[in-house]
Amino acid sequence: MKVAFDENIPLVMVRVFESLAKHSDLLNCEIHTAKQYAQKPKEGDVPWIVRFKEAGGDVIISGDIRIRSNLHEQKALRDAGFIAFFFTSAWSQKNGFVKGAFLLNWWPKIREYMTSSKPGDLWEIPFTWGWTDLKSVKRRKGSKK
């Protein structure tokens, strides 16, 4: 499975995940950054999403809590057939150490959802230490929730 972390995930954390993916079987996937697929700074998320899919991408993990409410970006994720994971707004209030610890803690659950989800499924990772089921955040145009 090919996974991209967007630019809202601390780069140092992405590097930790890249190292884990290369040197162990803990992650069982390839790790990439959105920056590898973004051709111009500030071009928005849709272009890199499309390029990542063209490169064989499967999963996106985003620290941008706004991407999930932007229907055109959510549509791009669904249309590309990505399985995507987002954080609750509480994540944006925390420093990189806390985000990193929670992401590592949640990885087995994220991995479980990666392998059992259908293309186009969008999930929210709660800001709790103990694992719970992830919440589907797939919205359709015109829906309130």
Foldseek 3Di string as FASTA:
>chain_A
DEEEEEPLQPPVLLVVVQCCCVPHCPQVYHYHYLVVQDPDPPPDDLRSLVSCLVVVDAEYEYADPVLLVPQVSLVSQQVSQHEYEYEPPVLVVDDNVLNSVQCVLCSVVVSVCSVPDTRSWYWYDYPDNDDDHTDTSRDDPPDPD
